[in-house]
Amino acid sequence: MGQVSRYFFVFAFLICTSCSVSKAPFTELPRSDADRIYETVGRGDWPGVYKLSKDGTDPLLQILRQRALYEMKKFDEVLAAPPIKDFKFAPYDVFLRGLSAFENKKWDQIRALEIPSDLPAPLRERLTILQGEALQELQETEKARDVYTLFLKKFKNSPFETDVLFRLADIEFSLHNNEKAFDLYEQIYRFHPIDDSDDIALQKLIHLGRFSQIDTDVHLSRILRLQRAARFKRAERELSALQTSISKDKLPRVQLAGGQLYFAERQYHKSEIAARKALRYKLPANLEIEWRQILASSLVRQNQPDPGKLEFQRLLALRIPSTVEELALYKLAMLALDNKNYLEASNYFEKLRKKFPKGHHTESAYWFAVWAIYENELARPGGADLGEVKNALKLLQELSELPTAKSLLPQIIY
């Protein structure tokens, strides 16, 4: 029940929102008394809230009284109170009753609970999990499985997803559905490496004798997720362990993951060394492309623009995916701009606009091209070329017509 407190933030916010919609939310209290209740709730003084609300019949006072009783761990009194009928607060009354029934281990009440559809999703999620737990306590394992399966379909990207997956995997294992259990433990291991339960999933996979059967792609996907979450030390450990346990033909992909990890950790010299070492050998085309991107970017990050430029040009000479080509052209254009090679920058930006009119860097290809023309004409001996000035104005006009350029309009006008 440690997770319940986060939902009370939602709960309290919604109550406070309801309070704010009227100048006199407590219809039976003077404004001064209502203010005292607000202040008492804000301090978390639940005995004080109960004392102030215990005799009130206003729906808001009733729900605050229920909340106070719950926080004071008087769960029997929460369940014994008359149901709140006001449509705004009735769903939250059901929520508190559900939590109280769970705390009192009244599993039948939890099982029979009808979860209001107008409760906020986080509160519905919590009650659904409690129903699954109650069914497990009642030894109705298959019904609990159905509840958890429905949860995963109904609540996408829930903060409880890993917890529910783990419960579901344990149920499948207890029902001797080992293949289903294995798939669920693997799903936790692969897609949820940041959660505490993933270590338990790992141990379960080892216990089932299935860890050695997990494909290298699954391990690398997991390491990438750790990298993106900045869990670098853990990613390093798992990558090191993987290198000692895989077959020789899969080693190049694991080494590439090591180079990407160095780059993510901003250890650019190490990622450069790793890339140069890998590129000494004949590689599959996809791996060569990945390593050349790492090498080029590592050099630029180490303030070595000329070698970096050369590597991006070598990259463009390969048969590469369009996303890589667009990025390489953009990097070359920006390198030229940074080095005050304005004509070269303009040429790269022009290629970028023509080849990728709806690309990720379209706005920049217009904006920085104008900047390059401006700087180039400013330094031109004898004054600016009128044709180039007209070209810059034309680019600004085209930029203003892009559907994604609204935020740039003030600068364009300027």
Foldseek 3Di string as FASTA:
>chain_A
DVVVVVVVVVVVVLLVVCVPPDPCLQVVDDPVLVVVLVVCVVVVVLVVLLVSLVPGPRLSSVLSNLVSCVVVLVLVVLLPDDQRDPPSCNLVSLLSNLVSCLVVLVLVCLLPRDRDPPDPPVSSLVSLLSNLVSCVVVVVLVVSLVSLVVSCVPDPPDPCVLVSLQSNLVSCVVVVVPVSSLVSLLCCCQPPVPDPCNVVSVVVCVVVVNPLVDDPVSLLSNLVVCLVVVVLVVSVVSLVVVCVRDDPVCNLVSLLSVLVSCVSVVVLVVSLVSLVVSVVDDDPPVSVLSSLVSNLVSCVSVVNLVVSLVSLVVSCVGPDDPLSVLVSLQSNLVSCVVVLVLVSNLVSLVVNCVVCVPDPCNLVSLVVNLVSLVSVQVPDPPGGDPVSVVVNLVSLVVSVPDPPNPVCVVVSVD
